[in-house]
């Protein structure tokens, strides 16, 4: 993809310039990491409540009272039945395992992208010069 076709024609040239500059800054990296953290949180919460609903028949995890009493990755608040407390603990463990595996996967993907896909121009230039010297 060339630089001329990466943004649609209907974007303002000034907006395109600002977007390109913004993607090179730390603000982009920070906002991207915050977005990823929020998405992981949503995945953990959804996993927790779906696991809880599967473990306790008749429990409605969309009920605000249930969500207030049974919070992901925390002990239940107040007095709840023993089966719900046990299911909450098991669902919390499942959600924590999901978070750990997701984080590990993101770390591995970042390491692979860094090792394989990202090359600095200086390093590529040095490798080319070293190959040229060895070839002579």
Protein backbone atom coordinates (compact mmCIF):
# COMPACT_ATOMS: atom_id res chain seq x y z
CA UNK A 1 0.00 0.00 0.00
CA UNK A 2 1.49 3.32 -0.95
CA UNK A 3 1.32 6.46 1.17
CA UNK A 4 -1.14 8.11 -1.20
CA UNK A 5 -3.88 5.50 -0.82
CA UNK A 6 -3.81 4.77 2.91
CA UNK A 7 -6.52 7.35 3.70
CA UNK A 8 -9.72 7.97 1.77
CA UNK A 9 -9.91 10.97 -0.56
CA UNK A 10 -12.71 12.57 1.40
CA UNK A 11 -10.45 13.09 4.46
CA UNK A 12 -9.10 16.59 4.75
CA UNK A 13 -5.35 16.80 3.96
CA UNK A 14 -4.80 18.56 7.29
CA UNK A 15 -6.59 15.76 9.14
CA UNK A 16 -4.47 13.16 7.35
CA UNK A 17 -1.30 15.05 8.26
CA UNK A 18 -2.33 15.27 11.92
CA UNK A 19 -3.31 11.59 12.02
CA UNK A 20 0.05 10.54 10.61
CA UNK A 21 1.92 12.71 13.09
CA UNK A 22 -0.26 11.44 15.94
CA UNK A 23 0.44 7.81 15.10
CA UNK A 24 4.15 8.46 15.55
CA UNK A 25 3.76 9.97 19.01
CA UNK A 26 3.64 8.42 22.45
CA UNK A 27 0.06 9.56 22.85
CA UNK A 28 -1.00 7.05 20.22
CA UNK A 29 0.87 4.25 21.97
CA UNK A 30 -0.61 5.16 25.35
CA UNK A 31 -4.16 5.44 24.03
CA UNK A 32 -3.75 2.17 22.11
CA UNK A 33 -2.55 0.37 25.25
CA UNK A 34 -5.44 1.82 27.28
CA UNK A 35 -7.88 0.64 24.65
CA UNK A 36 -6.36 -2.85 24.75
CA UNK A 37 -6.60 -2.86 28.56
CA UNK A 38 -10.26 -1.87 28.37
CA UNK A 39 -10.96 -4.62 25.85
CA UNK A 40 -9.26 -7.20 28.07
CA UNK A 41 -11.38 -5.99 31.01
CA UNK A 42 -14.55 -6.37 28.95
CA UNK A 43 -13.49 -9.88 27.90
CA UNK A 44 -12.77 -10.86 31.50
CA UNK A 45 -16.10 -9.50 32.74
CA UNK A 46 -18.07 -11.19 29.96
CA UNK A 47 -16.24 -14.46 30.57
CA UNK A 48 -16.89 -14.24 34.31
CA UNK A 49 -20.62 -13.62 34.05
CA UNK A 50 -21.19 -16.18 31.27
CA UNK A 51 -19.27 -18.78 33.30
CA UNK A 52 -21.26 -17.85 36.40
CA UNK A 53 -24.56 -18.21 34.53
CA UNK A 54 -23.53 -21.64 33.25
CA UNK A 55 -22.53 -22.83 36.74
CA UNK A 56 -25.63 -21.61 38.63
CA UNK A 57 -28.92 -22.52 36.91
CA UNK A 58 -31.57 -19.84 37.24
CA UNK A 59 -29.11 -17.04 38.07
CA UNK A 60 -29.58 -13.97 35.87
CA UNK A 61 -26.14 -12.29 35.55
CA UNK A 62 -27.71 -9.25 33.87
CA UNK A 63 -29.62 -8.43 37.06
CA UNK A 64 -28.06 -5.32 38.71
CA UNK A 65 -28.43 -6.88 42.18
CA UNK A 66 -26.42 -9.93 41.08
CA UNK A 67 -23.75 -7.73 39.47
CA UNK A 68 -23.49 -5.65 42.66
CA UNK A 69 -23.19 -8.69 44.92
CA UNK A 70 -20.94 -10.83 42.72
CA UNK A 71 -18.04 -8.87 41.20
CA UNK A 72 -15.39 -10.45 38.94
CA UNK A 73 -12.09 -11.41 40.61
CA UNK A 74 -13.35 -10.39 44.09
CA UNK A 75 -15.06 -12.25 46.91
CA UNK A 76 -18.86 -11.91 46.87
CA UNK A 77 -20.31 -9.03 48.88
CA UNK A 78 -22.91 -9.73 51.54
CA UNK A 79 -24.62 -13.03 52.16
CA UNK A 80 -25.19 -15.18 49.09
CA UNK A 81 -25.98 -18.90 48.83
CA UNK A 82 -23.04 -21.30 49.10
CA UNK A 83 -23.47 -22.61 45.55
CA UNK A 84 -23.29 -19.08 44.15
CA UNK A 85 -20.19 -18.30 46.24
CA UNK A 86 -18.44 -21.47 45.00
CA UNK A 87 -19.47 -20.75 41.41
CA UNK A 88 -18.21 -17.18 41.81
CA UNK A 89 -14.80 -18.42 42.96
CA UNK A 90 -14.56 -20.87 40.06
CA UNK A 91 -15.69 -18.24 37.55
CA UNK A 92 -13.14 -15.79 38.97
CA UNK A 93 -10.38 -18.35 38.49
CA UNK A 94 -11.52 -18.95 34.91
CA UNK A 95 -11.61 -15.20 34.23
CA UNK A 96 -8.14 -14.76 35.75
CA UNK A 97 -6.79 -17.59 33.57
CA UNK A 98 -8.32 -15.90 30.53
CA UNK A 99 -6.63 -12.62 31.51
CA UNK A 100 -3.26 -14.34 32.00
CA UNK A 101 -3.47 -16.21 28.70
CA UNK A 102 -4.59 -13.08 26.83
CA UNK A 103 -1.73 -11.06 28.31
CA UNK A 104 0.78 -13.79 27.49
CA UNK A 105 -0.56 -14.00 23.94
CA UNK A 106 -0.27 -10.24 23.49
CA UNK A 107 3.30 -10.31 24.83
CA UNK A 108 4.28 -13.11 22.45
CA UNK A 109 2.60 -11.35 19.52
CA UNK A 110 4.44 -8.14 20.38
CA UNK A 111 7.75 -9.96 20.64
CA UNK A 112 7.20 -11.67 17.29
CA UNK A 113 6.19 -8.39 15.65
CA UNK A 114 9.24 -6.69 17.10
CA UNK A 115 11.62 -9.47 16.13
CA UNK A 116 10.27 -10.19 12.67
CA UNK A 117 8.26 -7.26 11.43
CA UNK A 118 9.93 -4.16 12.79
CA UNK A 119 13.31 -3.23 11.42
CA UNK A 120 15.04 0.08 11.87
CA UNK A 121 16.52 1.67 8.78
CA UNK A 122 19.91 1.97 10.48
CA UNK A 123 20.05 -1.75 11.29
CA UNK A 124 19.04 -2.67 7.74
CA UNK A 125 21.64 -0.30 6.34
CA UNK A 126 24.35 -1.75 8.63
CA UNK A 127 23.43 -5.29 7.61
CA UNK A 128 23.67 -4.29 3.96
CA UNK A 129 27.06 -2.67 4.51
CA UNK A 130 28.33 -5.72 6.41
CA UNK A 131 27.16 -8.02 3.60
CA UNK A 132 28.86 -5.79 1.04
CA UNK A 133 32.12 -5.86 2.98
CA UNK A 134 32.02 -9.65 3.34
CA UNK A 135 31.24 -10.03 -0.37
CA UNK A 136 34.37 -8.10 -1.42
